[in-house]
Amino acid sequence: MIDSPPPYPEIDLPPLLEAYLFVATEPTMPAEIARILKLEPAAVEESLEDMVNAYARRVNSGLHIVRIAGGYQMATRPPLAPEIARLLSAPGQKSRLSRPALETLAVIAYQQPVTQAEIEAVRGVNADGVLKTLGERNLIEETGRKEVVGRPILYGTTPDFLHYFGLNTLEDLPPLEDISIGETEADKSATHEALEAVGLE
């Protein structure tokens, strides 16, 4: 019995991937594309990397291809961000995170897994409402419970956090010296510096 050929035997991969990146609303994962098209993952990843380099060489393009949350996504170039933000500021656009939400998110991102009490020790205020908001937006998730009295919930960031801030992995967060969980001004200052470095403020 002769095996039937794959459904896309003569696929022209680069233009197909470029078109898909253009319309995709989430990062494109090479392994998933390879599975659907019945191709080798290495071939898909190589083509995507070639595209990253090709767009990087374009002088007057407003777009580039970035590695985000383990995948690839077409995005506007950073210098255009202020103007793009103004163009997208029409009523009905998704609301931005508040400063308290960003501060809480920074603590979680750099200290995860972390409990609510530890977050509140750094920020000095109750975090109930902010944690609920961040959870509803799928930027944080429960990762387990701390093995101490009361077994409080531990929180960590999600893949949507990486996507929201244009990061490929948590290692792409700007370097930050370990901050101790506590109520000192140094702790709070370190958190604010982290926010500024990531561009969250």
N, C-alpha and C. Protein backbone atom coordinates (compact mmCIF):
# COMPACT_ATOMS: atom_id res chain seq x y z
N MET A 1 0.85 -1.18 0.00
CA MET A 1 0.00 0.00 0.00
C MET A 1 0.89 1.25 0.00
N ILE A 2 0.61 2.18 -0.92
CA ILE A 2 1.41 3.40 -1.03
C ILE A 2 0.85 4.45 -0.08
N ASP A 3 1.75 5.00 0.73
CA ASP A 3 1.32 6.05 1.65
C ASP A 3 0.88 7.28 0.86
N SER A 4 -0.21 7.91 1.32
CA SER A 4 -0.68 9.12 0.65
C SER A 4 0.26 10.26 0.97
N PRO A 5 0.48 11.20 0.03
CA PRO A 5 1.39 12.31 0.26
C PRO A 5 0.82 13.29 1.27
N PRO A 6 1.65 14.09 1.89
CA PRO A 6 1.14 15.09 2.83
C PRO A 6 0.24 16.06 2.10
N PRO A 7 -0.66 16.73 2.81
CA PRO A 7 -1.64 17.60 2.16
C PRO A 7 -1.04 18.83 1.50
N TYR A 8 0.19 19.22 1.87
CA TYR A 8 0.80 20.42 1.31
C TYR A 8 2.19 20.08 0.77
N PRO A 9 2.27 19.30 -0.32
CA PRO A 9 3.57 18.84 -0.81
C PRO A 9 4.42 19.93 -1.43
N GLU A 10 3.80 20.96 -1.98
CA GLU A 10 4.55 22.00 -2.69
C GLU A 10 4.42 23.35 -2.00
N ILE A 11 4.36 23.33 -0.68
CA ILE A 11 4.11 24.57 0.06
C ILE A 11 5.28 25.54 -0.07
N ASP A 12 4.96 26.80 -0.30
CA ASP A 12 5.96 27.87 -0.32
C ASP A 12 5.91 28.52 1.06
N LEU A 13 6.76 28.05 1.94
CA LEU A 13 6.62 28.37 3.36
C LEU A 13 6.82 29.85 3.72
N PRO A 14 7.86 30.53 3.25
CA PRO A 14 8.08 31.92 3.70
C PRO A 14 6.89 32.85 3.49
N PRO A 15 6.29 32.93 2.28
CA PRO A 15 5.16 33.85 2.14
C PRO A 15 3.94 33.43 2.96
N LEU A 16 3.76 32.11 3.14
CA LEU A 16 2.64 31.65 3.95
C LEU A 16 2.83 32.08 5.40
N LEU A 17 4.04 31.91 5.93
CA LEU A 17 4.31 32.30 7.31
C LEU A 17 4.18 33.81 7.48
N GLU A 18 4.65 34.57 6.51
CA GLU A 18 4.54 36.02 6.60
C GLU A 18 3.07 36.45 6.65
N ALA A 19 2.26 35.85 5.79
CA ALA A 19 0.84 36.18 5.76
C ALA A 19 0.17 35.78 7.08
N TYR A 20 0.55 34.62 7.61
CA TYR A 20 -0.06 34.18 8.86
C TYR A 20 0.34 35.09 10.02
N LEU A 21 1.62 35.49 10.06
CA LEU A 21 2.06 36.41 11.10
C LEU A 21 1.29 37.73 11.03
N PHE A 22 0.97 38.14 9.83
CA PHE A 22 0.26 39.40 9.64
C PHE A 22 -1.15 39.37 10.25
N VAL A 23 -1.82 38.23 10.13
CA VAL A 23 -3.21 38.15 10.61
C VAL A 23 -3.33 37.56 12.01
N ALA A 24 -2.28 36.90 12.50
CA ALA A 24 -2.35 36.21 13.80
C ALA A 24 -2.44 37.22 14.94
N THR A 25 -3.28 36.94 15.91
CA THR A 25 -3.42 37.80 17.08
C THR A 25 -2.63 37.28 18.28
N GLU A 26 -2.08 36.08 18.16
CA GLU A 26 -1.27 35.48 19.22
C GLU A 26 0.07 35.07 18.63
N PRO A 27 1.11 34.90 19.47
CA PRO A 27 2.41 34.46 18.95
C PRO A 27 2.30 33.15 18.18
N THR A 28 3.02 33.05 17.08
CA THR A 28 3.02 31.86 16.24
C THR A 28 4.05 30.87 16.77
N MET A 29 3.59 29.67 17.11
CA MET A 29 4.47 28.65 17.66
C MET A 29 4.95 27.71 16.53
N PRO A 30 6.26 27.62 16.30
CA PRO A 30 6.77 26.79 15.21
C PRO A 30 6.29 25.35 15.26
N ALA A 31 6.26 24.75 16.45
CA ALA A 31 5.85 23.35 16.56
C ALA A 31 4.40 23.15 16.13
N GLU A 32 3.53 24.09 16.47
CA GLU A 32 2.13 23.98 16.10
C GLU A 32 1.95 24.14 14.59
N ILE A 33 2.64 25.10 13.99
CA ILE A 33 2.59 25.29 12.54
C ILE A 33 3.09 24.04 11.84
N ALA A 34 4.19 23.49 12.32
CA ALA A 34 4.76 22.29 11.71
C ALA A 34 3.78 21.12 11.80
N ARG A 35 3.09 21.00 12.93
CA ARG A 35 2.13 19.90 13.09
C ARG A 35 0.98 20.04 12.10
N ILE A 36 0.45 21.23 11.95
CA ILE A 36 -0.70 21.44 11.06
C ILE A 36 -0.31 21.21 9.60
N LEU A 37 0.86 21.73 9.22
CA LEU A 37 1.29 21.62 7.83
C LEU A 37 2.07 20.35 7.52
N LYS A 38 2.27 19.52 8.56
CA LYS A 38 3.02 18.26 8.41
C LYS A 38 4.43 18.53 7.87
N LEU A 39 5.11 19.46 8.55
CA LEU A 39 6.48 19.80 8.21
C LEU A 39 7.38 19.55 9.40
N GLU A 40 8.68 19.58 9.17
CA GLU A 40 9.62 19.45 10.26
C GLU A 40 9.66 20.76 11.06
N PRO A 41 9.55 20.70 12.39
CA PRO A 41 9.60 21.92 13.20
C PRO A 41 10.84 22.76 12.92
N ALA A 42 11.98 22.10 12.69
CA ALA A 42 13.22 22.84 12.43
C ALA A 42 13.11 23.68 11.17
N ALA A 43 12.40 23.17 10.17
CA ALA A 43 12.25 23.92 8.92
C ALA A 43 11.39 25.17 9.14
N VAL A 44 10.34 25.03 9.94
CA VAL A 44 9.47 26.17 10.23
C VAL A 44 10.24 27.21 11.04
N GLU A 45 10.97 26.76 12.05
CA GLU A 45 11.71 27.70 12.88
C GLU A 45 12.79 28.41 12.07
N GLU A 46 13.46 27.68 11.19
CA GLU A 46 14.50 28.29 10.35
C GLU A 46 13.89 29.38 9.46
N SER A 47 12.73 29.09 8.89
CA SER A 47 12.07 30.07 8.03
C SER A 47 11.66 31.31 8.82
N LEU A 48 11.17 31.11 10.03
CA LEU A 48 10.78 32.23 10.87
C LEU A 48 11.99 33.07 11.28
N GLU A 49 13.10 32.41 11.58
CA GLU A 49 14.32 33.14 11.94
C GLU A 49 14.83 33.94 10.74
N ASP A 50 14.75 33.36 9.54
CA ASP A 50 15.14 34.09 8.33
C ASP A 50 14.28 35.35 8.17
N MET A 51 13.00 35.21 8.53
CA MET A 51 12.09 36.34 8.41
C MET A 51 12.43 37.42 9.45
N VAL A 52 12.79 37.00 10.66
CA VAL A 52 13.22 37.95 11.70
C VAL A 52 14.39 38.78 11.17
N ASN A 53 15.36 38.11 10.58
CA ASN A 53 16.56 38.79 10.09
C ASN A 53 16.25 39.67 8.89
N ALA A 54 15.35 39.19 8.02
CA ALA A 54 15.00 39.97 6.83
C ALA A 54 14.31 41.27 7.22
N TYR A 55 13.39 41.19 8.18
CA TYR A 55 12.69 42.41 8.62
C TYR A 55 13.64 43.34 9.36
N ALA A 56 14.61 42.77 10.07
CA ALA A 56 15.58 43.61 10.79
C ALA A 56 16.43 44.43 9.83
N ARG A 57 16.62 43.93 8.61
CA ARG A 57 17.43 44.64 7.62
C ARG A 57 16.65 45.72 6.87
N ARG A 58 15.32 45.73 7.01
CA ARG A 58 14.51 46.73 6.32
C ARG A 58 14.68 48.09 6.98
N VAL A 59 15.06 49.08 6.18
CA VAL A 59 15.40 50.39 6.73
C VAL A 59 14.16 51.20 7.08
N ASN A 60 13.20 51.26 6.19
CA ASN A 60 12.06 52.15 6.38
C ASN A 60 10.76 51.43 6.75
N SER A 61 10.86 50.21 7.23
CA SER A 61 9.66 49.47 7.59
C SER A 61 9.20 49.85 8.99
N GLY A 62 7.89 49.94 9.16
CA GLY A 62 7.34 50.20 10.48
C GLY A 62 7.10 48.93 11.27
N LEU A 63 7.42 47.78 10.67
CA LEU A 63 7.17 46.49 11.30
C LEU A 63 8.47 45.73 11.53
N HIS A 64 8.43 44.84 12.48
CA HIS A 64 9.49 43.86 12.66
C HIS A 64 8.86 42.60 13.24
N ILE A 65 9.63 41.53 13.28
CA ILE A 65 9.13 40.27 13.83
C ILE A 65 9.92 39.98 15.09
N VAL A 66 9.19 39.75 16.17
CA VAL A 66 9.83 39.57 17.47
C VAL A 66 9.49 38.20 18.05
N ARG A 67 10.34 37.76 18.95
CA ARG A 67 10.11 36.51 19.67
C ARG A 67 9.38 36.84 20.96
N ILE A 68 8.16 36.31 21.09
CA ILE A 68 7.32 36.62 22.26
C ILE A 68 6.73 35.33 22.81
N ALA A 69 6.87 35.12 24.11
CA ALA A 69 6.23 33.98 24.80
C ALA A 69 6.53 32.65 24.11
N GLY A 70 7.75 32.49 23.61
CA GLY A 70 8.14 31.23 22.98
C GLY A 70 7.77 31.12 21.53
N GLY A 71 7.13 32.17 20.97
CA GLY A 71 6.73 32.14 19.57
C GLY A 71 7.20 33.38 18.84
N TYR A 72 6.58 33.63 17.69
CA TYR A 72 6.97 34.76 16.85
C TYR A 72 5.73 35.60 16.54
N GLN A 73 5.92 36.92 16.51
CA GLN A 73 4.79 37.79 16.21
C GLN A 73 5.27 39.02 15.45
N MET A 74 4.45 39.44 14.47
CA MET A 74 4.73 40.67 13.76
C MET A 74 4.26 41.83 14.64
N ALA A 75 5.09 42.86 14.76
CA ALA A 75 4.76 43.97 15.65
C ALA A 75 5.28 45.27 15.06
N THR A 76 4.77 46.38 15.58
CA THR A 76 5.27 47.69 15.17
C THR A 76 6.61 47.94 15.85
N ARG A 77 7.45 48.72 15.21
CA ARG A 77 8.75 49.02 15.78
C ARG A 77 8.60 49.96 16.98
N PRO A 78 9.41 49.75 18.04
CA PRO A 78 9.28 50.54 19.28
C PRO A 78 9.28 52.05 19.10
N PRO A 79 10.10 52.64 18.22
CA PRO A 79 10.07 54.11 18.11
C PRO A 79 8.72 54.68 17.69
N LEU A 80 7.88 53.84 17.07
CA LEU A 80 6.58 54.31 16.63
C LEU A 80 5.51 54.18 17.71
N ALA A 81 5.87 53.62 18.87
CA ALA A 81 4.89 53.31 19.91
C ALA A 81 4.04 54.51 20.34
N PRO A 82 4.62 55.70 20.59
CA PRO A 82 3.77 56.82 21.04
C PRO A 82 2.70 57.20 20.02
N GLU A 83 3.08 57.25 18.75
CA GLU A 83 2.10 57.63 17.72
C GLU A 83 1.05 56.54 17.54
N ILE A 84 1.48 55.29 17.58
CA ILE A 84 0.53 54.17 17.45
C ILE A 84 -0.45 54.21 18.61
N ALA A 85 0.06 54.49 19.82
CA ALA A 85 -0.82 54.55 21.00
C ALA A 85 -1.87 55.65 20.83
N ARG A 86 -1.46 56.79 20.27
CA ARG A 86 -2.42 57.87 20.06
C ARG A 86 -3.47 57.46 19.03
N LEU A 87 -3.04 56.76 17.98
CA LEU A 87 -3.99 56.34 16.95
C LEU A 87 -4.98 55.30 17.48
N LEU A 88 -4.53 54.53 18.47
CA LEU A 88 -5.39 53.47 19.02
C LEU A 88 -6.16 53.91 20.26
N SER A 89 -6.09 55.19 20.59
CA SER A 89 -6.70 55.65 21.85
C SER A 89 -8.17 56.02 21.71
N ALA A 90 -8.78 55.59 20.63
CA ALA A 90 -10.20 55.89 20.43
C ALA A 90 -11.04 55.20 21.50
N PRO A 91 -12.25 55.72 21.80
CA PRO A 91 -13.14 55.07 22.77
C PRO A 91 -13.41 53.62 22.39
N GLY A 92 -13.47 52.78 23.42
CA GLY A 92 -13.77 51.37 23.16
C GLY A 92 -12.54 50.50 23.14
N GLN A 93 -11.33 51.11 23.10
CA GLN A 93 -10.12 50.31 23.13
C GLN A 93 -9.93 49.72 24.52
N LYS A 94 -9.20 48.61 24.59
CA LYS A 94 -8.97 47.93 25.87
C LYS A 94 -8.24 48.86 26.83
N SER A 95 -8.75 48.96 28.04
CA SER A 95 -8.17 49.87 29.02
C SER A 95 -6.79 49.40 29.45
N ARG A 96 -5.94 50.39 29.76
CA ARG A 96 -4.60 50.08 30.22
C ARG A 96 -4.65 49.70 31.70
N LEU A 97 -3.58 49.06 32.14
CA LEU A 97 -3.50 48.69 33.55
C LEU A 97 -3.23 49.93 34.39
N SER A 98 -3.81 49.96 35.58
CA SER A 98 -3.59 51.07 36.50
C SER A 98 -2.19 50.95 37.11
N ARG A 99 -1.74 52.04 37.71
CA ARG A 99 -0.43 52.01 38.37
C ARG A 99 -0.38 50.96 39.49
N PRO A 100 -1.39 50.86 40.36
CA PRO A 100 -1.34 49.80 41.38
C PRO A 100 -1.25 48.41 40.77
N ALA A 101 -1.96 48.19 39.65
CA ALA A 101 -1.90 46.89 38.99
C ALA A 101 -0.51 46.62 38.46
N LEU A 102 0.11 47.65 37.85
CA LEU A 102 1.46 47.49 37.31
C LEU A 102 2.47 47.23 38.42
N GLU A 103 2.33 47.93 39.54
CA GLU A 103 3.24 47.72 40.66
C GLU A 103 3.12 46.30 41.20
N THR A 104 1.88 45.83 41.35
CA THR A 104 1.66 44.47 41.84
C THR A 104 2.21 43.46 40.86
N LEU A 105 2.00 43.70 39.58
CA LEU A 105 2.48 42.79 38.55
C LEU A 105 4.00 42.72 38.55
N ALA A 106 4.65 43.84 38.77
CA ALA A 106 6.11 43.86 38.82
C ALA A 106 6.63 43.02 39.98
N VAL A 107 5.98 43.16 41.15
CA VAL A 107 6.38 42.37 42.31
C VAL A 107 6.25 40.87 42.00
N ILE A 108 5.12 40.50 41.42
CA ILE A 108 4.89 39.09 41.10
C ILE A 108 5.90 38.60 40.07
N ALA A 109 6.14 39.40 39.02
CA ALA A 109 7.04 38.99 37.95
C ALA A 109 8.44 38.71 38.46
N TYR A 110 8.93 39.58 39.36
CA TYR A 110 10.31 39.45 39.83
C TYR A 110 10.45 38.52 41.03
N GLN A 111 9.37 38.28 41.77
CA GLN A 111 9.48 37.50 43.00
C GLN A 111 8.77 36.15 42.95
N GLN A 112 8.11 35.83 41.87
CA GLN A 112 7.28 34.62 41.81
C GLN A 112 8.08 33.35 42.09
N PRO A 113 7.39 32.37 42.73
CA PRO A 113 6.02 32.43 43.24
C PRO A 113 5.97 33.24 44.54
N VAL A 114 4.90 34.01 44.71
CA VAL A 114 4.82 34.93 45.82
C VAL A 114 3.39 34.94 46.36
N THR A 115 3.24 35.14 47.66
CA THR A 115 1.92 35.14 48.28
C THR A 115 1.36 36.56 48.33
N GLN A 116 0.07 36.66 48.58
CA GLN A 116 -0.57 37.97 48.70
C GLN A 116 0.05 38.77 49.84
N ALA A 117 0.32 38.11 50.96
CA ALA A 117 0.91 38.82 52.11
C ALA A 117 2.28 39.40 51.75
N GLU A 118 3.04 38.66 50.98
CA GLU A 118 4.37 39.15 50.57
C GLU A 118 4.24 40.33 49.60
N ILE A 119 3.27 40.26 48.71
CA ILE A 119 3.02 41.38 47.79
C ILE A 119 2.63 42.63 48.58
N GLU A 120 1.74 42.44 49.56
CA GLU A 120 1.26 43.56 50.35
C GLU A 120 2.38 44.14 51.22
N ALA A 121 3.33 43.30 51.63
CA ALA A 121 4.45 43.79 52.42
C ALA A 121 5.32 44.73 51.60
N VAL A 122 5.49 44.43 50.31
CA VAL A 122 6.28 45.29 49.44
C VAL A 122 5.54 46.57 49.12
N ARG A 123 4.24 46.46 48.79
CA ARG A 123 3.48 47.63 48.32
C ARG A 123 2.88 48.43 49.48
N GLY A 124 2.69 47.80 50.62
CA GLY A 124 2.16 48.53 51.77
C GLY A 124 0.67 48.76 51.75
N VAL A 125 -0.04 48.12 50.82
CA VAL A 125 -1.51 48.26 50.75
C VAL A 125 -2.14 46.92 50.44
N ASN A 126 -3.45 46.83 50.69
CA ASN A 126 -4.19 45.61 50.42
C ASN A 126 -4.19 45.32 48.91
N ALA A 127 -4.03 44.05 48.54
CA ALA A 127 -3.91 43.69 47.12
C ALA A 127 -5.10 42.87 46.61
N ASP A 128 -6.15 42.75 47.41
CA ASP A 128 -7.30 41.92 47.00
C ASP A 128 -7.84 42.29 45.62
N GLY A 129 -8.21 43.55 45.47
CA GLY A 129 -8.84 43.99 44.22
C GLY A 129 -7.90 43.90 43.03
N VAL A 130 -6.63 44.27 43.25
CA VAL A 130 -5.67 44.24 42.15
C VAL A 130 -5.41 42.81 41.69
N LEU A 131 -5.27 41.88 42.62
CA LEU A 131 -5.05 40.49 42.24
C LEU A 131 -6.24 39.94 41.47
N LYS A 132 -7.44 40.34 41.86
CA LYS A 132 -8.63 39.90 41.15
C LYS A 132 -8.61 40.43 39.70
N THR A 133 -8.25 41.72 39.54
CA THR A 133 -8.18 42.31 38.20
C THR A 133 -7.14 41.62 37.34
N LEU A 134 -5.96 41.38 37.89
CA LEU A 134 -4.89 40.75 37.13
C LEU A 134 -5.25 39.30 36.76
N GLY A 135 -5.97 38.64 37.68
CA GLY A 135 -6.42 37.28 37.38
C GLY A 135 -7.46 37.26 36.28
N GLU A 136 -8.39 38.23 36.31
CA GLU A 136 -9.43 38.30 35.28
C GLU A 136 -8.84 38.59 33.91
N ARG A 137 -7.73 39.31 33.88
CA ARG A 137 -7.08 39.60 32.61
C ARG A 137 -6.07 38.53 32.22
N ASN A 138 -6.01 37.47 33.02
CA ASN A 138 -5.15 36.32 32.76
C ASN A 138 -3.67 36.69 32.70
N LEU A 139 -3.27 37.68 33.49
CA LEU A 139 -1.87 38.05 33.55
C LEU A 139 -1.15 37.33 34.69
N ILE A 140 -1.92 36.87 35.68
CA ILE A 140 -1.35 36.07 36.77
C ILE A 140 -2.23 34.85 36.99
N GLU A 141 -1.66 33.86 37.68
CA GLU A 141 -2.40 32.64 38.00
C GLU A 141 -1.92 32.07 39.31
N GLU A 142 -2.74 31.23 39.91
CA GLU A 142 -2.33 30.52 41.13
C GLU A 142 -1.40 29.39 40.72
N THR A 143 -0.25 29.30 41.40
CA THR A 143 0.74 28.28 41.05
C THR A 143 0.90 27.21 42.13
N GLY A 144 0.14 27.32 43.20
CA GLY A 144 0.24 26.35 44.28
C GLY A 144 0.00 27.02 45.61
N ARG A 145 0.45 26.37 46.66
CA ARG A 145 0.32 26.94 48.01
C ARG A 145 1.64 26.83 48.74
N LYS A 146 1.96 27.85 49.53
CA LYS A 146 3.21 27.87 50.27
C LYS A 146 3.10 26.97 51.48
N GLU A 147 4.15 26.20 51.71
CA GLU A 147 4.13 25.23 52.81
C GLU A 147 4.46 25.90 54.14
N VAL A 148 3.54 26.78 54.57
CA VAL A 148 3.65 27.42 55.88
C VAL A 148 2.27 27.37 56.51
N VAL A 149 2.17 27.86 57.74
CA VAL A 149 0.88 27.85 58.42
C VAL A 149 -0.15 28.62 57.59
N GLY A 150 -1.31 27.99 57.39
CA GLY A 150 -2.36 28.59 56.59
C GLY A 150 -2.27 28.29 55.11
N ARG A 151 -1.12 27.80 54.65
CA ARG A 151 -0.89 27.44 53.25
C ARG A 151 -1.47 28.48 52.29
N PRO A 152 -0.93 29.70 52.32
CA PRO A 152 -1.46 30.75 51.44
C PRO A 152 -1.18 30.45 49.96
N ILE A 153 -2.02 31.00 49.10
CA ILE A 153 -1.89 30.80 47.66
C ILE A 153 -0.63 31.50 47.14
N LEU A 154 0.05 30.83 46.23
CA LEU A 154 1.21 31.41 45.55
C LEU A 154 0.77 31.90 44.17
N TYR A 155 1.29 33.04 43.76
CA TYR A 155 0.94 33.61 42.46
C TYR A 155 2.16 33.70 41.56
N GLY A 156 1.91 33.52 40.26
CA GLY A 156 2.96 33.69 39.25
C GLY A 156 2.35 34.29 38.00
N THR A 157 3.20 34.67 37.06
CA THR A 157 2.72 35.25 35.81
C THR A 157 2.35 34.15 34.81
N THR A 158 1.62 34.53 33.77
CA THR A 158 1.14 33.59 32.75
C THR A 158 1.80 33.90 31.42
N PRO A 159 1.62 33.02 30.41
CA PRO A 159 2.09 33.34 29.05
C PRO A 159 1.47 34.64 28.52
N ASP A 160 0.24 34.95 28.95
CA ASP A 160 -0.37 36.19 28.51
C ASP A 160 0.38 37.41 29.04
N PHE A 161 1.03 37.27 30.19
CA PHE A 161 1.87 38.35 30.71
C PHE A 161 3.02 38.64 29.76
N LEU A 162 3.67 37.55 29.29
CA LEU A 162 4.77 37.72 28.33
C LEU A 162 4.27 38.41 27.07
N HIS A 163 3.11 37.95 26.59
CA HIS A 163 2.55 38.51 25.37
C HIS A 163 2.21 40.00 25.56
N TYR A 164 1.61 40.34 26.68
CA TYR A 164 1.16 41.70 26.96
C TYR A 164 2.34 42.68 26.93
N PHE A 165 3.48 42.24 27.47
CA PHE A 165 4.63 43.14 27.56
C PHE A 165 5.69 42.87 26.50
N GLY A 166 5.38 41.99 25.54
CA GLY A 166 6.30 41.76 24.43
C GLY A 166 7.58 41.06 24.84
N LEU A 167 7.49 40.12 25.77
CA LEU A 167 8.66 39.37 26.23
C LEU A 167 8.61 37.95 25.68
N ASN A 168 9.79 37.37 25.43
CA ASN A 168 9.83 35.99 24.98
C ASN A 168 9.81 35.04 26.17
N THR A 169 10.64 35.31 27.16
CA THR A 169 10.66 34.54 28.40
C THR A 169 10.83 35.51 29.57
N LEU A 170 10.67 35.02 30.78
CA LEU A 170 10.87 35.86 31.96
C LEU A 170 12.32 36.33 32.06
N GLU A 171 13.24 35.59 31.42
CA GLU A 171 14.63 36.02 31.45
C GLU A 171 14.85 37.31 30.68
N ASP A 172 13.87 37.71 29.87
CA ASP A 172 13.98 38.96 29.12
C ASP A 172 13.62 40.18 29.97
N LEU A 173 13.13 39.95 31.20
CA LEU A 173 12.91 41.08 32.10
C LEU A 173 14.26 41.74 32.39
N PRO A 174 14.31 43.05 32.50
CA PRO A 174 15.58 43.72 32.80
C PRO A 174 16.17 43.19 34.10
N PRO A 175 17.51 43.07 34.18
CA PRO A 175 18.13 42.56 35.40
C PRO A 175 17.73 43.42 36.60
N LEU A 176 17.50 42.75 37.70
CA LEU A 176 17.13 43.46 38.92
C LEU A 176 17.72 42.71 40.09
N GLU A 177 18.45 43.42 40.93
CA GLU A 177 19.01 42.77 42.10
C GLU A 177 17.88 42.28 42.97
N ASP A 178 18.10 41.14 43.60
CA ASP A 178 17.06 40.55 44.44
C ASP A 178 16.55 41.58 45.45
N ILE A 179 15.22 41.70 45.49
CA ILE A 179 14.64 42.60 46.49
C ILE A 179 14.03 41.77 47.60
N SER A 180 14.29 42.17 48.81
CA SER A 180 13.76 41.43 49.95
C SER A 180 12.29 41.77 50.12
N ILE A 181 11.53 40.76 50.53
CA ILE A 181 10.13 41.01 50.83
C ILE A 181 10.07 41.77 52.14
N GLY A 182 9.55 42.97 52.12
CA GLY A 182 9.47 43.78 53.32
C GLY A 182 8.83 45.11 53.02
N GLU A 183 8.83 45.99 54.01
CA GLU A 183 8.14 47.27 53.85
C GLU A 183 9.10 48.43 53.70
N THR A 184 10.39 48.16 53.40
CA THR A 184 11.35 49.24 53.35
C THR A 184 11.18 50.07 52.10
N GLU A 185 11.63 51.32 52.17
CA GLU A 185 11.57 52.20 51.01
C GLU A 185 12.47 51.67 49.90
N ALA A 186 13.56 50.98 50.28
CA ALA A 186 14.45 50.41 49.26
C ALA A 186 13.72 49.37 48.42
N ASP A 187 12.88 48.55 49.09
CA ASP A 187 12.10 47.55 48.37
C ASP A 187 11.19 48.22 47.36
N LYS A 188 10.48 49.26 47.82
CA LYS A 188 9.53 49.92 46.94
C LYS A 188 10.24 50.63 45.80
N SER A 189 11.42 51.22 46.11
CA SER A 189 12.19 51.90 45.08
C SER A 189 12.65 50.91 44.02
N ALA A 190 13.08 49.72 44.44
CA ALA A 190 13.52 48.70 43.49
C ALA A 190 12.39 48.27 42.58
N THR A 191 11.19 48.15 43.15
CA THR A 191 10.03 47.78 42.34
C THR A 191 9.74 48.85 41.29
N HIS A 192 9.80 50.13 41.70
CA HIS A 192 9.54 51.21 40.75
C HIS A 192 10.60 51.24 39.66
N GLU A 193 11.87 50.97 40.01
CA GLU A 193 12.93 50.95 39.01
C GLU A 193 12.69 49.83 38.01
N ALA A 194 12.19 48.69 38.50
CA ALA A 194 11.88 47.58 37.60
C ALA A 194 10.79 47.97 36.62
N LEU A 195 9.76 48.64 37.13
CA LEU A 195 8.67 49.08 36.27
C LEU A 195 9.17 50.01 35.19
N GLU A 196 10.03 50.95 35.55
CA GLU A 196 10.54 51.90 34.58
C GLU A 196 11.41 51.20 33.55
N ALA A 197 12.20 50.21 33.98
CA ALA A 197 13.09 49.52 33.05
C ALA A 197 12.32 48.71 32.03
N VAL A 198 11.21 48.13 32.45
CA VAL A 198 10.40 47.35 31.51
C VAL A 198 9.52 48.26 30.66
N GLY A 199 9.42 49.51 31.06
CA GLY A 199 8.55 50.42 30.31
C GLY A 199 7.11 50.33 30.76
N LEU A 200 6.87 49.90 32.00
CA LEU A 200 5.52 49.75 32.50
C LEU A 200 5.01 51.05 33.14
N GLU A 201 5.86 52.05 33.27
CA GLU A 201 5.40 53.30 33.87
C GLU A 201 5.51 54.42 32.84
